[in-house]
Amino acid sequence: MSIAGLILAAGRASRMGGDKRLMRVEGRSMLDLAVEAGLRGGLSPVLVVTGPEPQPDLGPGVVQVVNADPSRGMASSLAEGVAALPEDAEGVMVLLADMPRVTSAHVAALIAAFRPDSICVPVFQGRRGNPVLLSRRFFPSMRDLTGDKGARGLIAENALAVIEVAVADDGILIDVDTPEALRALGGEE
Protein backbone atom coordinates (compact mmCIF):
# COMPACT_ATOMS: atom_id res chain seq x y z
CA MET A 1 0.00 0.00 0.00
CA SER A 2 1.38 3.41 -0.98
CA ILE A 3 0.62 6.11 1.59
CA ALA A 4 2.22 9.50 1.01
CA GLY A 5 2.85 12.17 3.62
CA LEU A 6 1.93 15.80 3.16
CA ILE A 7 3.40 18.23 5.69
CA LEU A 8 1.81 21.68 5.67
CA ALA A 9 4.57 24.21 6.35
CA ALA A 10 3.65 27.32 4.38
CA GLY A 11 1.84 29.28 7.10
CA ARG A 12 2.86 32.78 8.08
CA ALA A 13 3.12 32.07 11.84
CA SER A 14 2.22 35.67 12.66
CA ARG A 15 1.64 34.95 16.36
CA MET A 16 5.13 33.48 16.70
CA GLY A 17 7.08 36.48 15.46
CA GLY A 18 9.27 34.29 13.25
CA ASP A 19 9.44 31.12 11.19
CA LYS A 20 8.04 28.62 13.67
CA ARG A 21 8.85 25.62 11.48
CA LEU A 22 12.52 26.25 12.19
CA MET A 23 12.06 26.87 15.91
CA ARG A 24 13.54 24.11 17.98
CA VAL A 25 12.10 21.57 20.38
CA GLU A 26 14.63 19.28 22.06
CA GLY A 27 17.34 20.65 19.77
CA ARG A 28 15.56 19.93 16.47
CA SER A 29 13.39 22.10 14.28
CA MET A 30 9.68 21.38 14.37
CA LEU A 31 9.79 20.78 10.61
CA ASP A 32 12.56 18.18 11.04
CA LEU A 33 10.50 16.41 13.71
CA ALA A 34 7.47 16.26 11.39
CA VAL A 35 9.57 14.91 8.51
CA GLU A 36 11.13 12.28 10.77
CA ALA A 37 7.74 11.16 12.12
CA GLY A 38 6.48 10.72 8.57
CA LEU A 39 9.47 8.86 7.20
CA ARG A 40 9.98 6.60 10.21
CA GLY A 41 6.25 5.94 10.43
CA GLY A 42 6.19 4.51 6.91
CA LEU A 43 5.09 7.35 4.64
CA SER A 44 6.60 7.50 1.17
CA PRO A 45 7.14 9.92 -0.32
CA VAL A 46 6.92 12.79 2.15
CA LEU A 47 6.00 16.10 0.52
CA VAL A 48 6.49 19.38 2.38
CA VAL A 49 4.39 22.31 1.22
CA THR A 50 6.26 25.56 1.84
CA GLY A 51 5.90 29.17 0.83
CA PRO A 52 8.08 30.65 -1.92
CA GLU A 53 10.87 31.71 0.47
CA PRO A 54 14.17 29.76 0.44
CA GLN A 55 14.02 26.56 2.48
CA PRO A 56 16.57 24.50 4.34
CA ASP A 57 17.59 21.16 2.84
CA LEU A 58 14.77 18.77 3.67
CA GLY A 59 16.86 15.63 3.24
CA PRO A 60 16.47 12.39 1.28
CA GLY A 61 13.00 11.01 0.68
CA VAL A 62 11.44 14.46 1.00
CA VAL A 63 9.98 16.54 -1.84
CA GLN A 64 9.36 20.27 -1.54
CA VAL A 65 6.14 21.60 -3.04
CA VAL A 66 5.94 25.39 -3.30
CA ASN A 67 2.71 27.23 -2.58
CA ALA A 68 3.43 30.49 -4.40
CA ASP A 69 0.73 32.35 -2.46
CA PRO A 70 0.16 30.87 1.01
CA SER A 71 -1.88 33.94 1.97
CA ARG A 72 -4.79 32.15 0.22
CA GLY A 73 -4.99 29.97 3.33
CA MET A 74 -4.31 26.43 4.47
CA ALA A 75 -6.64 24.97 1.84
CA SER A 76 -4.35 26.29 -0.90
CA SER A 77 -1.44 24.33 0.59
CA LEU A 78 -3.58 21.19 0.75
CA ALA A 79 -4.58 21.64 -2.89
CA GLU A 80 -0.97 22.20 -4.02
CA GLY A 81 0.22 19.18 -2.08
CA VAL A 82 -2.51 16.84 -3.32
CA ALA A 83 -1.87 17.93 -6.90
CA ALA A 84 1.80 16.90 -6.47
CA LEU A 85 1.08 13.41 -5.07
CA PRO A 86 2.32 10.43 -7.05
CA GLU A 87 -0.34 8.73 -9.17
CA ASP A 88 -0.02 5.48 -7.24
CA ALA A 89 -0.71 7.03 -3.82
CA GLU A 90 -3.63 5.17 -2.27
CA GLY A 91 -3.86 7.69 0.55
CA VAL A 92 -2.26 10.78 2.01
CA MET A 93 -1.51 11.61 5.61
CA VAL A 94 -1.70 15.33 6.32
CA LEU A 95 0.71 16.44 9.04
CA LEU A 96 1.19 19.93 10.43
CA ALA A 97 4.69 21.36 10.81
CA ASP A 98 3.81 22.91 14.17
CA MET A 99 2.98 19.68 16.02
CA PRO A 100 6.35 18.47 17.35
CA ARG A 101 4.88 15.76 19.60
CA VAL A 102 3.42 13.74 16.71
CA THR A 103 5.59 10.64 16.44
CA SER A 104 6.29 7.81 14.03
CA ALA A 105 4.14 5.61 16.31
CA HIS A 106 1.12 7.86 15.67
CA VAL A 107 1.79 7.71 11.93
CA ALA A 108 2.19 3.92 11.94
CA ALA A 109 -1.03 3.44 13.95
CA LEU A 110 -3.03 5.40 11.40
CA ILE A 111 -1.49 3.47 8.50
CA ALA A 112 -2.30 0.17 10.23
CA ALA A 113 -5.99 1.18 10.54
CA PHE A 114 -6.27 2.49 6.97
CA ARG A 115 -8.82 0.97 4.61
CA PRO A 116 -9.69 1.97 1.04
CA ASP A 117 -12.23 4.81 1.06
CA SER A 118 -11.51 5.68 4.70
CA ILE A 119 -10.45 8.69 6.71
CA CYS A 120 -8.32 7.73 9.74
CA VAL A 121 -8.29 10.20 12.62
CA PRO A 122 -6.26 9.82 15.83
CA VAL A 123 -8.13 10.14 19.12
CA PHE A 124 -6.82 10.69 22.64
CA GLN A 125 -9.29 10.54 25.54
CA GLY A 126 -12.22 11.26 23.24
CA ARG A 127 -10.57 14.21 21.43
CA ARG A 128 -9.69 14.06 17.76
CA GLY A 129 -6.33 15.40 16.66
CA ASN A 130 -3.78 15.35 13.85
CA PRO A 131 -2.39 13.97 11.60
CA VAL A 132 -5.25 12.68 9.47
CA LEU A 133 -5.03 9.98 6.78
CA LEU A 134 -7.40 10.28 3.82
CA SER A 135 -7.89 7.79 1.00
CA ARG A 136 -7.52 8.63 -2.68
CA ARG A 137 -11.31 8.93 -2.88
CA PHE A 138 -11.04 12.31 -1.14
CA PHE A 139 -8.23 13.81 -3.27
CA PRO A 140 -10.59 15.70 -5.64
CA SER A 141 -12.46 17.24 -2.69
CA MET A 142 -9.17 18.24 -1.06
CA ARG A 143 -8.07 20.00 -4.25
CA ASP A 144 -11.36 21.96 -4.23
CA LEU A 145 -11.02 23.32 -0.68
CA THR A 146 -10.63 27.08 -0.29
CA GLY A 147 -9.79 29.53 2.46
CA ASP A 148 -7.95 29.10 5.73
CA LYS A 149 -9.30 25.70 6.64
CA GLY A 150 -8.03 22.20 6.41
CA ALA A 151 -9.96 19.02 5.88
CA ARG A 152 -12.14 19.33 9.01
CA GLY A 153 -15.30 20.09 7.01
CA LEU A 154 -14.55 17.27 4.60
CA ILE A 155 -14.20 14.88 7.54
CA ALA A 156 -17.50 16.07 9.02
CA GLU A 157 -19.29 15.62 5.67
CA ASN A 158 -18.00 12.04 5.40
CA ALA A 159 -18.56 10.84 8.96
CA LEU A 160 -19.40 7.29 7.85
CA ALA A 161 -15.92 6.94 6.31
CA VAL A 162 -14.12 7.97 9.51
CA ILE A 163 -12.12 5.41 11.45
CA GLU A 164 -11.10 6.71 14.87
CA VAL A 165 -7.72 5.38 16.01
CA ALA A 166 -7.04 5.51 19.75
CA VAL A 167 -3.52 6.65 20.64
CA ALA A 168 -1.70 6.47 23.96
CA ASP A 169 -0.66 10.10 24.38
CA ASP A 170 -1.74 13.69 23.72
CA GLY A 171 0.94 14.49 21.10
CA ILE A 172 -1.82 14.52 18.47
CA LEU A 173 -3.43 17.48 20.24
CA ILE A 174 -0.41 19.71 20.90
CA ASP A 175 0.32 22.42 18.36
CA VAL A 176 2.65 25.36 18.76
CA ASP A 177 1.04 28.64 17.76
CA THR A 178 2.53 31.05 20.30
CA PRO A 179 5.91 31.67 21.97
CA GLU A 180 4.30 30.56 25.25
CA ALA A 181 3.30 27.20 23.74
CA LEU A 182 6.86 26.73 22.44
CA ARG A 183 8.34 27.49 25.87
CA ALA A 184 5.87 25.09 27.51
CA LEU A 185 7.46 22.30 25.42
CA GLY A 186 10.96 23.44 26.36
CA GLY A 187 11.47 24.84 22.87
CA GLU A 188 13.73 27.62 21.63
CA GLU A 189 12.91 30.52 19.34
C-alpha atoms as a PDB file:
ATOM      1  CA  MET A   1       0.000   0.000   0.000  1.00  0.00           C
ATOM      2  CA  SER A   2       1.378   3.405  -0.977  1.00  0.00           C
ATOM      3  CA  ILE A   3       0.625   6.110   1.590  1.00  0.00           C
ATOM      4  CA  ALA A   4       2.220   9.502   1.013  1.00  0.00           C
ATOM      5  CA  GLY A   5       2.852  12.165   3.616  1.00  0.00           C
ATOM      6  CA  LEU A   6       1.928  15.799   3.163  1.00  0.00           C
ATOM      7  CA  ILE A   7       3.402  18.228   5.689  1.00  0.00           C
ATOM      8  CA  LEU A   8       1.813  21.678   5.668  1.00  0.00           C
ATOM      9  CA  ALA A   9       4.571  24.208   6.354  1.00  0.00           C
ATOM     10  CA  ALA A  10       3.648  27.324   4.378  1.00  0.00           C
ATOM     11  CA  GLY A  11       1.840  29.278   7.100  1.00  0.00           C
ATOM     12  CA  ARG A  12       2.864  32.785   8.081  1.00  0.00           C
ATOM     13  CA  ALA A  13       3.124  32.074  11.841  1.00  0.00           C
ATOM     14  CA  SER A  14       2.215  35.674  12.661  1.00  0.00           C
ATOM     15  CA  ARG A  15       1.636  34.950  16.359  1.00  0.00           C
ATOM     16  CA  MET A  16       5.133  33.477  16.698  1.00  0.00           C
ATOM     17  CA  GLY A  17       7.079  36.484  15.461  1.00  0.00           C
ATOM     18  CA  GLY A  18       9.273  34.293  13.246  1.00  0.00           C
ATOM     19  CA  ASP A  19       9.436  31.124  11.192  1.00  0.00           C
ATOM     20  CA  LYS A  20       8.036  28.615  13.667  1.00  0.00           C
ATOM     21  CA  ARG A  21       8.848  25.624  11.476  1.00  0.00           C
ATOM     22  CA  LEU A  22      12.521  26.248  12.188  1.00  0.00           C
ATOM     23  CA  MET A  23      12.057  26.866  15.910  1.00  0.00           C
ATOM     24  CA  ARG A  24      13.544  24.106  17.975  1.00  0.00           C
ATOM     25  CA  VAL A  25      12.099  21.566  20.378  1.00  0.00           C
ATOM     26  CA  GLU A  26      14.632  19.278  22.055  1.00  0.00           C
ATOM     27  CA  GLY A  27      17.344  20.649  19.774  1.00  0.00           C
ATOM     28  CA  ARG A  28      15.556  19.925  16.474  1.00  0.00           C
ATOM     29  CA  SER A  29      13.392  22.101  14.278  1.00  0.00           C
ATOM     30  CA  MET A  30       9.683  21.383  14.370  1.00  0.00           C
ATOM     31  CA  LEU A  31       9.794  20.778  10.607  1.00  0.00           C
ATOM     32  CA  ASP A  32      12.565  18.175  11.037  1.00  0.00           C
ATOM     33  CA  LEU A  33      10.500  16.414  13.713  1.00  0.00           C
ATOM     34  CA  ALA A  34       7.468  16.259  11.392  1.00  0.00           C
ATOM     35  CA  VAL A  35       9.567  14.908   8.513  1.00  0.00           C
ATOM     36  CA  GLU A  36      11.129  12.285  10.774  1.00  0.00           C
ATOM     37  CA  ALA A  37       7.737  11.158  12.119  1.00  0.00           C
ATOM     38  CA  GLY A  38       6.479  10.718   8.566  1.00  0.00           C
ATOM     39  CA  LEU A  39       9.471   8.864   7.199  1.00  0.00           C
ATOM     40  CA  ARG A  40       9.978   6.598  10.209  1.00  0.00           C
ATOM     41  CA  GLY A  41       6.248   5.940  10.431  1.00  0.00           C
ATOM     42  CA  GLY A  42       6.185   4.505   6.908  1.00  0.00           C
ATOM     43  CA  LEU A  43       5.085   7.347   4.641  1.00  0.00           C
ATOM     44  CA  SER A  44       6.603   7.496   1.171  1.00  0.00           C
ATOM     45  CA  PRO A  45       7.136   9.919  -0.319  1.00  0.00           C
ATOM     46  CA  VAL A  46       6.921  12.790   2.148  1.00  0.00           C
ATOM     47  CA  LEU A  47       6.003  16.105   0.524  1.00  0.00           C
ATOM     48  CA  VAL A  48       6.489  19.376   2.380  1.00  0.00           C
ATOM     49  CA  VAL A  49       4.385  22.314   1.222  1.00  0.00           C
ATOM     50  CA  THR A  50       6.263  25.557   1.841  1.00  0.00           C
ATOM     51  CA  GLY A  51       5.895  29.167   0.827  1.00  0.00           C
ATOM     52  CA  PRO A  52       8.078  30.652  -1.922  1.00  0.00           C
ATOM     53  CA  GLU A  53      10.869  31.709   0.470  1.00  0.00           C
ATOM     54  CA  PRO A  54      14.170  29.763   0.436  1.00  0.00           C
ATOM     55  CA  GLN A  55      14.024  26.559   2.476  1.00  0.00           C
ATOM     56  CA  PRO A  56      16.574  24.501   4.342  1.00  0.00           C
ATOM     57  CA  ASP A  57      17.590  21.164   2.844  1.00  0.00           C
ATOM     58  CA  LEU A  58      14.772  18.769   3.670  1.00  0.00           C
ATOM     59  CA  GLY A  59      16.857  15.625   3.241  1.00  0.00           C
ATOM     60  CA  PRO A  60      16.474  12.391   1.283  1.00  0.00           C
ATOM     61  CA  GLY A  61      13.004  11.008   0.680  1.00  0.00           C
ATOM     62  CA  VAL A  62      11.440  14.465   0.996  1.00  0.00           C
ATOM     63  CA  VAL A  63       9.984  16.535  -1.843  1.00  0.00           C
ATOM     64  CA  GLN A  64       9.364  20.270  -1.538  1.00  0.00           C
ATOM     65  CA  VAL A  65       6.137  21.605  -3.044  1.00  0.00           C
ATOM     66  CA  VAL A  66       5.938  25.389  -3.302  1.00  0.00           C
ATOM     67  CA  ASN A  67       2.713  27.231  -2.577  1.00  0.00           C
ATOM     68  CA  ALA A  68       3.428  30.491  -4.397  1.00  0.00           C
ATOM     69  CA  ASP A  69       0.727  32.345  -2.459  1.00  0.00           C
ATOM     70  CA  PRO A  70       0.164  30.865   1.013  1.00  0.00           C
ATOM     71  CA  SER A  71      -1.885  33.941   1.967  1.00  0.00           C
ATOM     72  CA  ARG A  72      -4.788  32.149   0.215  1.00  0.00           C
ATOM     73  CA  GLY A  73      -4.994  29.965   3.332  1.00  0.00           C
ATOM     74  CA  MET A  74      -4.307  26.427   4.475  1.00  0.00           C
ATOM     75  CA  ALA A  75      -6.639  24.971   1.845  1.00  0.00           C
ATOM     76  CA  SER A  76      -4.354  26.287  -0.901  1.00  0.00           C
ATOM     77  CA  SER A  77      -1.445  24.333   0.587  1.00  0.00           C
ATOM     78  CA  LEU A  78      -3.579  21.191   0.751  1.00  0.00           C
ATOM     79  CA  ALA A  79      -4.578  21.642  -2.888  1.00  0.00           C
ATOM     80  CA  GLU A  80      -0.967  22.204  -4.024  1.00  0.00           C
ATOM     81  CA  GLY A  81       0.221  19.177  -2.078  1.00  0.00           C
ATOM     82  CA  VAL A  82      -2.506  16.838  -3.317  1.00  0.00           C
ATOM     83  CA  ALA A  83      -1.867  17.934  -6.904  1.00  0.00           C
ATOM     84  CA  ALA A  84       1.802  16.903  -6.469  1.00  0.00           C
ATOM     85  CA  LEU A  85       1.080  13.413  -5.071  1.00  0.00           C
ATOM     86  CA  PRO A  86       2.317  10.434  -7.052  1.00  0.00           C
ATOM     87  CA  GLU A  87      -0.335   8.728  -9.173  1.00  0.00           C
ATOM     88  CA  ASP A  88      -0.019   5.477  -7.237  1.00  0.00           C
ATOM     89  CA  ALA A  89      -0.707   7.031  -3.824  1.00  0.00           C
ATOM     90  CA  GLU A  90      -3.634   5.175  -2.267  1.00  0.00           C
ATOM     91  CA  GLY A  91      -3.864   7.687   0.554  1.00  0.00           C
ATOM     92  CA  VAL A  92      -2.257  10.784   2.011  1.00  0.00           C
ATOM     93  CA  MET A  93      -1.512  11.606   5.611  1.00  0.00           C
ATOM     94  CA  VAL A  94      -1.703  15.331   6.319  1.00  0.00           C
ATOM     95  CA  LEU A  95       0.712  16.436   9.037  1.00  0.00           C
ATOM     96  CA  LEU A  96       1.186  19.931  10.426  1.00  0.00           C
ATOM     97  CA  ALA A  97       4.690  21.360  10.806  1.00  0.00           C
ATOM     98  CA  ASP A  98       3.814  22.909  14.171  1.00  0.00           C
ATOM     99  CA  MET A  99       2.977  19.678  16.015  1.00  0.00           C
ATOM    100  CA  PRO A 100       6.347  18.468  17.350  1.00  0.00           C
ATOM    101  CA  ARG A 101       4.883  15.755  19.599  1.00  0.00           C
ATOM    102  CA  VAL A 102       3.421  13.745  16.709  1.00  0.00           C
ATOM    103  CA  THR A 103       5.595  10.637  16.436  1.00  0.00           C
ATOM    104  CA  SER A 104       6.285   7.812  14.035  1.00  0.00           C
ATOM    105  CA  ALA A 105       4.142   5.608  16.306  1.00  0.00           C
ATOM    106  CA  HIS A 106       1.122   7.863  15.669  1.00  0.00           C
ATOM    107  CA  VAL A 107       1.793   7.714  11.931  1.00  0.00           C
ATOM    108  CA  ALA A 108       2.195   3.921  11.941  1.00  0.00           C
ATOM    109  CA  ALA A 109      -1.026   3.436  13.948  1.00  0.00           C
ATOM    110  CA  LEU A 110      -3.030   5.403  11.400  1.00  0.00           C
ATOM    111  CA  ILE A 111      -1.492   3.466   8.499  1.00  0.00           C
ATOM    112  CA  ALA A 112      -2.304   0.165  10.227  1.00  0.00           C
ATOM    113  CA  ALA A 113      -5.986   1.184  10.540  1.00  0.00           C
ATOM    114  CA  PHE A 114      -6.268   2.493   6.969  1.00  0.00           C
ATOM    115  CA  ARG A 115      -8.823   0.969   4.613  1.00  0.00           C
ATOM    116  CA  PRO A 116      -9.693   1.973   1.043  1.00  0.00           C
ATOM    117  CA  ASP A 117     -12.230   4.809   1.058  1.00  0.00           C
ATOM    118  CA  SER A 118     -11.511   5.681   4.701  1.00  0.00           C
ATOM    119  CA  ILE A 119     -10.449   8.691   6.707  1.00  0.00           C
ATOM    120  CA  CYS A 120      -8.324   7.735   9.739  1.00  0.00           C
ATOM    121  CA  VAL A 121      -8.294  10.195  12.621  1.00  0.00           C
ATOM    122  CA  PRO A 122      -6.257   9.819  15.829  1.00  0.00           C
ATOM    123  CA  VAL A 123      -8.132  10.137  19.121  1.00  0.00           C
ATOM    124  CA  PHE A 124      -6.822  10.689  22.640  1.00  0.00           C
ATOM    125  CA  GLN A 125      -9.290  10.539  25.541  1.00  0.00           C
ATOM    126  CA  GLY A 126     -12.223  11.262  23.239  1.00  0.00           C
ATOM    127  CA  ARG A 127     -10.573  14.214  21.434  1.00  0.00           C
ATOM    128  CA  ARG A 128      -9.693  14.061  17.760  1.00  0.00           C
ATOM    129  CA  GLY A 129      -6.335  15.405  16.658  1.00  0.00           C
ATOM    130  CA  ASN A 130      -3.781  15.351  13.853  1.00  0.00           C
ATOM    131  CA  PRO A 131      -2.388  13.972  11.597  1.00  0.00           C
ATOM    132  CA  VAL A 132      -5.246  12.682   9.469  1.00  0.00           C
ATOM    133  CA  LEU A 133      -5.033   9.976   6.783  1.00  0.00           C
ATOM    134  CA  LEU A 134      -7.404  10.281   3.820  1.00  0.00           C
ATOM    135  CA  SER A 135      -7.895   7.794   1.003  1.00  0.00           C
ATOM    136  CA  ARG A 136      -7.520   8.626  -2.675  1.00  0.00           C
ATOM    137  CA  ARG A 137     -11.313   8.929  -2.878  1.00  0.00           C
ATOM    138  CA  PHE A 138     -11.044  12.314  -1.144  1.00  0.00           C
ATOM    139  CA  PHE A 139      -8.235  13.806  -3.272  1.00  0.00           C
ATOM    140  CA  PRO A 140     -10.594  15.701  -5.642  1.00  0.00           C
ATOM    141  CA  SER A 141     -12.457  17.238  -2.689  1.00  0.00           C
ATOM    142  CA  MET A 142      -9.168  18.237  -1.056  1.00  0.00           C
ATOM    143  CA  ARG A 143      -8.069  19.998  -4.251  1.00  0.00           C
ATOM    144  CA  ASP A 144     -11.355  21.959  -4.233  1.00  0.00           C
ATOM    145  CA  LEU A 145     -11.016  23.317  -0.675  1.00  0.00           C
ATOM    146  CA  THR A 146     -10.626  27.077  -0.294  1.00  0.00           C
ATOM    147  CA  GLY A 147      -9.792  29.531   2.460  1.00  0.00           C
ATOM    148  CA  ASP A 148      -7.954  29.098   5.727  1.00  0.00           C
ATOM    149  CA  LYS A 149      -9.305  25.703   6.638  1.00  0.00           C
ATOM    150  CA  GLY A 150      -8.027  22.203   6.407  1.00  0.00           C
ATOM    151  CA  ALA A 151      -9.965  19.016   5.875  1.00  0.00           C
ATOM    152  CA  ARG A 152     -12.142  19.327   9.010  1.00  0.00           C
ATOM    153  CA  GLY A 153     -15.297  20.085   7.014  1.00  0.00           C
ATOM    154  CA  LEU A 154     -14.548  17.268   4.598  1.00  0.00           C
ATOM    155  CA  ILE A 155     -14.205  14.881   7.535  1.00  0.00           C
ATOM    156  CA  ALA A 156     -17.501  16.070   9.024  1.00  0.00           C
ATOM    157  CA  GLU A 157     -19.293  15.620   5.674  1.00  0.00           C
ATOM    158  CA  ASN A 158     -18.002  12.043   5.402  1.00  0.00           C
ATOM    159  CA  ALA A 159     -18.558  10.841   8.961  1.00  0.00           C
ATOM    160  CA  LEU A 160     -19.399   7.286   7.848  1.00  0.00           C
ATOM    161  CA  ALA A 161     -15.919   6.936   6.311  1.00  0.00           C
ATOM    162  CA  VAL A 162     -14.122   7.973   9.514  1.00  0.00           C
ATOM    163  CA  ILE A 163     -12.116   5.410  11.455  1.00  0.00           C
ATOM    164  CA  GLU A 164     -11.097   6.709  14.870  1.00  0.00           C
ATOM    165  CA  VAL A 165      -7.722   5.379  16.005  1.00  0.00           C
ATOM    166  CA  ALA A 166      -7.044   5.510  19.746  1.00  0.00           C
ATOM    167  CA  VAL A 167      -3.519   6.648  20.638  1.00  0.00           C
ATOM    168  CA  ALA A 168      -1.700   6.469  23.955  1.00  0.00           C
ATOM    169  CA  ASP A 169      -0.661  10.104  24.384  1.00  0.00           C
ATOM    170  CA  ASP A 170      -1.743  13.688  23.718  1.00  0.00           C
ATOM    171  CA  GLY A 171       0.937  14.486  21.097  1.00  0.00           C
ATOM    172  CA  ILE A 172      -1.816  14.520  18.470  1.00  0.00           C
ATOM    173  CA  LEU A 173      -3.434  17.480  20.243  1.00  0.00           C
ATOM    174  CA  ILE A 174      -0.412  19.707  20.897  1.00  0.00           C
ATOM    175  CA  ASP A 175       0.321  22.417  18.360  1.00  0.00           C
ATOM    176  CA  VAL A 176       2.654  25.357  18.763  1.00  0.00           C
ATOM    177  CA  ASP A 177       1.044  28.640  17.755  1.00  0.00           C
ATOM    178  CA  THR A 178       2.534  31.054  20.298  1.00  0.00           C
ATOM    179  CA  PRO A 179       5.911  31.665  21.969  1.00  0.00           C
ATOM    180  CA  GLU A 180       4.302  30.555  25.246  1.00  0.00           C
ATOM    181  CA  ALA A 181       3.298  27.198  23.735  1.00  0.00           C
ATOM    182  CA  LEU A 182       6.855  26.731  22.441  1.00  0.00           C
ATOM    183  CA  ARG A 183       8.336  27.493  25.865  1.00  0.00           C
ATOM    184  CA  ALA A 184       5.875  25.091  27.507  1.00  0.00           C
ATOM    185  CA  LEU A 185       7.461  22.298  25.417  1.00  0.00           C
ATOM    186  CA  GLY A 186      10.955  23.443  26.357  1.00  0.00           C
ATOM    187  CA  GLY A 187      11.470  24.840  22.872  1.00  0.00           C
ATOM    188  CA  GLU A 188      13.728  27.623  21.632  1.00  0.00           C
ATOM    189  CA  GLU A 189      12.906  30.516  19.336  1.00  0.00           C
END
